[in-house]
Amino acid sequence: MTGRAAQPGMSFPRANNPPAMPSAIQPTTSAARKPPGNWIIGLILALAFPATSRAGDPPPNLARLVAKRETETQAERNRYLYRQSVTVEELTDRGSLRGDYKEVREVIFSPQGERGEQLVGRPEMRLKYLLLTEEDFRDIRDIQPLVLTEDRLWVYETRFRGEERVDDIDCWVLQVRPRQVLQGQRLFDGLLWVDQRQYNIVRLEGQAVPQIRTTRSENLFPRFTTLRRPVDGKYWFPVYTWADDTLAFRTGPQRIGLKIRYADYRRFGAQSTVTFDKP
């Protein structure tokens, strides 16, 4: 988002900072030595009961397991229609609304099965101090509802950050950071909460990067949180994204809000058709 004339003097602490995570679990210590005379018994027990990770340890290939599940999720989500509602808000330091932008899009399929988007009605543009940029719309499409597929994983470095229970689900916490950001790329930097049973991402918090600053302009992006929920009882799709952050423009800080709702998921069938009223 580019600031046009953000008024100086506004100040508000950053929201949506990732919560402090427990430190990574230490590797399992070596097993106690057995008396020399019991080596045969030990060998029999080892064959009968293969070694397993102790409770709380993530699998060593956690990131690859997540990416594999994400690839399956992406393939399934590509078969669904849904409605995406976006609201961007300019806020005062006390949270009062000064201006906003709203749009609604339907994700649709052509008769040939090609996936696309179509605006529903006309966007409502009432922003006073911000300009939405091409990068903002790319982030809404690709970063806020991030799907960390196998073909994207190599771009990131990952680190296990512990475990946490989210909405009664035992999760691994995985930090994801770009290895490097090439010109024109939009990437994610933040945390993923991954369910420990099927490796679905159930929550993500972070920021689209890079922030873009030149001598003449600034294009800044807020920290956000995205929640997923199971659709049709199997795969977890994004349902809600929100942000409440202050962008530090040179002309002065500007607090913004972001709300994205992904709703009315319905599987696309060969005979399905979707029509729209003309705006």
Protein backbone atom coordinates (compact mmCIF):
# COMPACT_ATOMS: atom_id res chain seq x y z
CA MET A 1 0.00 0.00 0.00
CA THR A 2 1.31 3.38 -0.96
CA GLY A 3 0.75 6.38 1.31
CA ARG A 4 -0.50 9.51 -0.37
CA ALA A 5 -0.54 11.98 2.48
CA ALA A 6 -0.57 10.10 5.76
CA GLN A 7 -0.79 12.63 8.56
CA PRO A 8 2.24 12.68 10.87
CA GLY A 9 1.95 12.19 14.58
CA MET A 10 -0.24 9.06 14.65
CA SER A 11 1.16 6.23 16.72
CA PHE A 12 -0.19 2.80 17.50
CA PRO A 13 1.65 -0.35 18.61
CA ARG A 14 1.92 -3.10 16.05
CA ALA A 15 -0.79 -5.76 16.22
CA ASN A 16 -0.73 -9.43 15.27
CA ASN A 17 2.86 -9.94 16.40
CA PRO A 18 3.42 -13.70 16.58
CA PRO A 19 3.04 -15.02 20.14
CA ALA A 20 6.12 -16.20 21.94
CA MET A 21 6.69 -19.81 21.06
CA PRO A 22 8.17 -22.49 23.30
CA SER A 23 11.75 -23.31 22.43
CA ALA A 24 12.42 -26.19 20.08
CA ILE A 25 12.34 -29.59 21.72
CA GLN A 26 15.79 -31.03 22.29
CA PRO A 27 16.77 -34.25 20.49
CA THR A 28 16.32 -37.53 22.27
CA THR A 29 19.25 -38.52 24.44
CA SER A 30 21.15 -41.74 23.79
CA ALA A 31 19.67 -44.86 25.27
CA ALA A 32 21.23 -46.23 28.46
CA ARG A 33 23.92 -48.83 27.92
CA LYS A 34 22.89 -52.44 28.48
CA PRO A 35 25.01 -54.89 30.44
CA PRO A 36 27.25 -56.93 28.10
CA GLY A 37 25.38 -60.11 28.87
CA ASN A 38 22.02 -58.74 27.69
CA TRP A 39 22.95 -57.77 24.14
CA ILE A 40 20.96 -60.64 22.61
CA ILE A 41 17.82 -59.66 24.52
CA GLY A 42 18.37 -56.06 23.49
CA LEU A 43 18.65 -57.04 19.83
CA ILE A 44 15.43 -59.05 19.99
CA LEU A 45 13.57 -56.14 21.62
CA ALA A 46 14.92 -53.69 19.05
CA LEU A 47 13.66 -55.86 16.21
CA ALA A 48 10.28 -56.37 17.84
CA PHE A 49 9.76 -52.70 18.76
CA PRO A 50 11.36 -50.29 16.27
CA ALA A 51 12.58 -47.00 17.69
CA THR A 52 10.05 -44.16 17.54
CA SER A 53 10.25 -40.44 18.27
CA ARG A 54 9.39 -39.54 21.82
CA ALA A 55 6.16 -37.68 22.44
CA GLY A 56 6.40 -34.08 21.29
CA ASP A 57 9.10 -34.60 18.68
CA PRO A 58 8.21 -33.55 15.12
CA PRO A 59 9.14 -35.81 12.22
CA PRO A 60 12.57 -34.84 10.81
CA ASN A 61 11.03 -34.12 7.39
CA LEU A 62 8.16 -32.01 8.77
CA ALA A 63 8.41 -29.27 6.13
CA ARG A 64 8.30 -31.80 3.28
CA LEU A 65 5.28 -33.55 4.81
CA VAL A 66 3.50 -30.20 5.11
CA ALA A 67 4.35 -29.31 1.49
CA LYS A 68 3.06 -32.69 0.29
CA ARG A 69 -0.23 -32.16 2.10
CA GLU A 70 -0.41 -28.59 0.81
CA THR A 71 0.03 -29.82 -2.76
CA GLU A 72 -2.95 -32.14 -2.26
CA THR A 73 -4.92 -29.27 -0.69
CA GLN A 74 -4.16 -26.95 -3.60
CA ALA A 75 -5.25 -29.57 -6.15
CA GLU A 76 -8.52 -30.03 -4.27
CA ARG A 77 -9.15 -26.30 -3.75
CA ASN A 78 -8.72 -25.76 -7.48
CA ARG A 79 -11.96 -27.73 -7.92
CA TYR A 80 -14.01 -25.35 -5.77
CA LEU A 81 -15.93 -22.17 -6.43
CA TYR A 82 -16.03 -19.62 -3.62
CA ARG A 83 -16.68 -15.95 -2.86
CA GLN A 84 -13.89 -13.65 -1.65
CA SER A 85 -14.84 -10.41 0.12
CA VAL A 86 -12.07 -7.85 0.79
CA THR A 87 -12.18 -4.76 3.02
CA VAL A 88 -9.21 -2.42 3.52
CA GLU A 89 -9.67 0.25 6.20
CA GLU A 90 -7.83 3.46 7.03
CA LEU A 91 -8.01 3.95 10.79
CA THR A 92 -7.10 6.66 13.27
CA ASP A 93 -4.74 5.78 16.10
CA ARG A 94 -7.84 5.14 18.24
CA GLY A 95 -9.41 2.83 15.68
CA SER A 96 -12.01 5.14 14.13
CA LEU A 97 -12.71 4.61 10.45
CA ARG A 98 -11.48 7.33 8.08
CA GLY A 99 -11.84 5.61 4.72
CA ASP A 100 -12.14 2.16 3.18
CA TYR A 101 -12.06 0.01 0.07
CA LYS A 102 -14.43 -2.93 -0.52
CA GLU A 103 -14.73 -5.48 -3.26
CA VAL A 104 -16.28 -8.91 -3.80
CA ARG A 105 -15.00 -11.50 -6.26
CA GLU A 106 -16.27 -14.89 -7.29
CA VAL A 107 -13.74 -17.58 -8.14
CA ILE A 108 -15.28 -19.25 -11.18
CA PHE A 109 -14.60 -21.80 -13.93
CA SER A 110 -15.02 -21.37 -17.65
CA PRO A 111 -16.88 -24.03 -19.69
CA GLN A 112 -13.40 -25.40 -20.52
CA GLY A 113 -12.65 -25.77 -16.80
CA GLU A 114 -10.20 -22.86 -16.58
CA ARG A 115 -10.14 -21.12 -13.22
CA GLY A 116 -10.55 -17.36 -12.92
CA GLU A 117 -12.01 -14.47 -10.93
CA GLN A 118 -14.86 -12.11 -11.62
CA LEU A 119 -15.80 -8.97 -9.73
CA VAL A 120 -19.32 -8.90 -8.30
CA GLY A 121 -20.58 -5.38 -8.76
CA ARG A 122 -18.20 -2.45 -8.57
CA PRO A 123 -15.52 -1.92 -5.92
CA GLU A 124 -16.25 0.82 -3.36
CA MET A 125 -13.24 3.16 -3.14
CA ARG A 126 -13.27 5.59 -0.21
CA LEU A 127 -9.59 5.57 0.80
CA LYS A 128 -8.16 9.02 1.54
CA TYR A 129 -4.51 8.43 2.45
CA LEU A 130 -3.63 5.11 0.80
CA LEU A 131 -3.35 3.82 -2.74
CA LEU A 132 -3.75 0.10 -3.38
CA THR A 133 -1.05 -1.29 -5.65
CA GLU A 134 -0.57 -4.29 -7.91
CA GLU A 135 1.43 -5.93 -5.10
CA ASP A 136 -1.50 -5.55 -2.69
CA PHE A 137 -3.79 -7.46 -5.04
CA ARG A 138 -1.11 -10.12 -5.66
CA ASP A 139 -0.80 -10.59 -1.89
CA ILE A 140 -4.58 -10.91 -1.52
CA ARG A 141 -4.55 -13.60 -4.20
CA ASP A 142 -1.38 -15.53 -3.29
CA ILE A 143 0.13 -14.60 0.11
CA GLN A 144 -2.71 -14.06 2.57
CA PRO A 145 -4.27 -17.45 1.60
CA LEU A 146 -0.79 -19.00 1.27
CA VAL A 147 -0.59 -22.63 0.14
CA LEU A 148 2.96 -23.93 0.71
CA THR A 149 3.10 -26.51 -2.09
CA GLU A 150 6.10 -28.67 -2.96
CA ASP A 151 7.06 -26.44 -5.89
CA ARG A 152 7.20 -23.43 -3.53
CA LEU A 153 9.01 -25.05 -0.61
CA TRP A 154 12.50 -24.69 -2.07
CA VAL A 155 12.12 -20.88 -1.96
CA TYR A 156 11.88 -20.96 1.85
CA GLU A 157 13.97 -22.01 4.80
CA THR A 158 12.01 -23.58 7.65
CA ARG A 159 12.66 -24.07 11.34
CA PHE A 160 10.70 -25.95 13.98
CA ARG A 161 9.59 -23.61 16.76
CA GLY A 162 7.71 -25.91 19.13
CA GLU A 163 4.14 -27.02 19.56
CA GLU A 164 0.91 -25.34 20.59
CA ARG A 165 -2.74 -26.24 20.89
CA VAL A 166 -4.97 -24.19 18.56
CA ASP A 167 -8.77 -24.59 18.71
CA ASP A 168 -8.36 -27.96 20.46
CA ILE A 169 -5.93 -29.17 17.79
CA ASP A 170 -2.36 -30.20 18.66
CA CYS A 171 -0.11 -28.31 16.26
CA TRP A 172 3.54 -28.06 15.32
CA VAL A 173 4.74 -24.47 14.91
CA LEU A 174 6.91 -23.98 11.84
CA GLN A 175 8.79 -20.78 11.02
CA VAL A 176 8.97 -20.00 7.29
CA ARG A 177 11.32 -17.40 5.83
CA PRO A 178 12.42 -16.67 2.25
CA ARG A 179 15.94 -17.84 1.39
CA GLN A 180 16.21 -14.73 -0.76
CA VAL A 181 13.78 -12.41 -2.48
CA LEU A 182 14.34 -11.77 -6.16
CA GLN A 183 13.08 -8.68 -7.91
CA GLY A 184 9.36 -8.87 -8.54
CA GLN A 185 8.74 -11.74 -6.10
CA ARG A 186 6.09 -11.65 -3.38
CA LEU A 187 6.80 -14.12 -0.55
CA PHE A 188 5.69 -14.98 2.99
CA ASP A 189 7.66 -14.50 6.21
CA GLY A 190 6.04 -15.83 9.36
CA LEU A 191 4.72 -18.81 11.32
CA LEU A 192 2.55 -21.79 10.39
CA TRP A 193 0.51 -23.92 12.80
CA VAL A 194 0.32 -27.46 11.43
CA ASP A 195 -1.92 -30.18 12.81
CA GLN A 196 0.11 -33.11 14.09
CA ARG A 197 -2.06 -35.83 12.55
CA GLN A 198 -2.46 -34.95 8.86
CA TYR A 199 -0.09 -31.97 8.46
CA ASN A 200 -2.82 -29.50 7.49
CA ILE A 201 -2.03 -25.82 8.04
CA VAL A 202 -4.73 -24.53 10.38
CA ARG A 203 -3.38 -21.02 11.01
CA LEU A 204 -0.67 -18.72 9.68
CA GLU A 205 0.65 -15.38 10.90
CA GLY A 206 3.18 -13.20 9.16
CA GLN A 207 3.79 -10.64 6.48
CA ALA A 208 4.12 -10.39 2.73
CA VAL A 209 7.66 -9.36 1.77
CA PRO A 210 9.53 -7.40 0.68
CA GLN A 211 8.53 -3.94 1.84
CA ILE A 212 9.24 -1.72 -1.16
CA ARG A 213 10.99 1.60 -0.55
CA THR A 214 12.57 3.91 -3.09
CA THR A 215 13.70 7.53 -2.92
CA ARG A 216 10.35 8.59 -4.37
CA SER A 217 7.79 6.14 -3.03
CA GLU A 218 6.97 3.54 -0.38
CA ASN A 219 4.86 0.42 -0.78
CA LEU A 220 4.30 -1.14 2.65
CA PHE A 221 2.39 -4.23 3.77
CA PRO A 222 0.78 -5.20 7.11
CA ARG A 223 1.23 -8.22 9.33
CA PHE A 224 -1.79 -10.52 9.08
CA THR A 225 -3.38 -13.71 10.39
CA THR A 226 -5.22 -16.28 8.27
CA LEU A 227 -7.43 -19.04 9.66
CA ARG A 228 -8.35 -22.24 7.86
CA ARG A 229 -11.21 -24.64 8.46
CA PRO A 230 -12.02 -28.07 7.01
CA VAL A 231 -14.25 -28.02 3.93
CA ASP A 232 -16.28 -31.16 3.22
CA GLY A 233 -14.58 -32.72 6.22
CA LYS A 234 -11.18 -33.38 4.63
CA TYR A 235 -9.06 -30.47 3.39
CA TRP A 236 -8.46 -27.20 5.22
CA PHE A 237 -9.16 -24.06 3.17
CA PRO A 238 -8.76 -20.37 4.17
CA VAL A 239 -11.90 -18.87 5.68
CA TYR A 240 -10.78 -15.56 7.19
CA THR A 241 -7.81 -13.17 7.08
CA TRP A 242 -7.44 -10.08 9.23
CA ALA A 243 -4.82 -7.44 9.99
CA ASP A 244 -4.60 -4.45 12.31
CA ASP A 245 -1.20 -2.87 11.84
CA THR A 246 0.50 0.52 11.55
CA LEU A 247 2.55 1.19 8.42
CA ALA A 248 5.56 3.41 9.07
CA PHE A 249 5.53 5.77 6.09
CA ARG A 250 8.12 8.55 5.97
CA THR A 251 5.26 11.06 5.94
CA GLY A 252 3.88 9.58 9.14
CA PRO A 253 2.46 6.28 10.45
CA GLN A 254 -0.89 5.05 9.12
CA ARG A 255 -2.92 2.43 10.96
CA ILE A 256 -4.85 0.09 8.66
CA GLY A 257 -7.26 -2.80 8.95
CA LEU A 258 -7.63 -5.69 6.50
CA LYS A 259 -10.46 -8.25 6.38
CA ILE A 260 -10.77 -11.02 3.80
CA ARG A 261 -13.55 -13.59 3.95
CA TYR A 262 -13.50 -16.75 1.83
CA ALA A 263 -17.03 -18.13 1.85
CA ASP A 264 -19.58 -20.35 0.12
CA TYR A 265 -17.15 -23.04 -0.98
CA ARG A 266 -18.82 -25.40 -3.42
CA ARG A 267 -17.25 -28.07 -5.54
CA PHE A 268 -17.24 -27.43 -9.28
CA GLY A 269 -19.03 -30.09 -11.30
CA ALA A 270 -18.90 -30.82 -14.99
CA GLN A 271 -22.48 -29.60 -15.41
CA SER A 272 -22.21 -26.60 -13.07
CA THR A 273 -22.76 -23.10 -14.38
CA VAL A 274 -22.42 -19.78 -12.64
CA THR A 275 -24.06 -16.58 -13.89
CA PHE A 276 -23.86 -13.01 -12.66
CA ASP A 277 -26.18 -10.03 -12.84
CA LYS A 278 -24.73 -7.08 -14.70
CA PRO A 279 -23.62 -4.30 -12.31
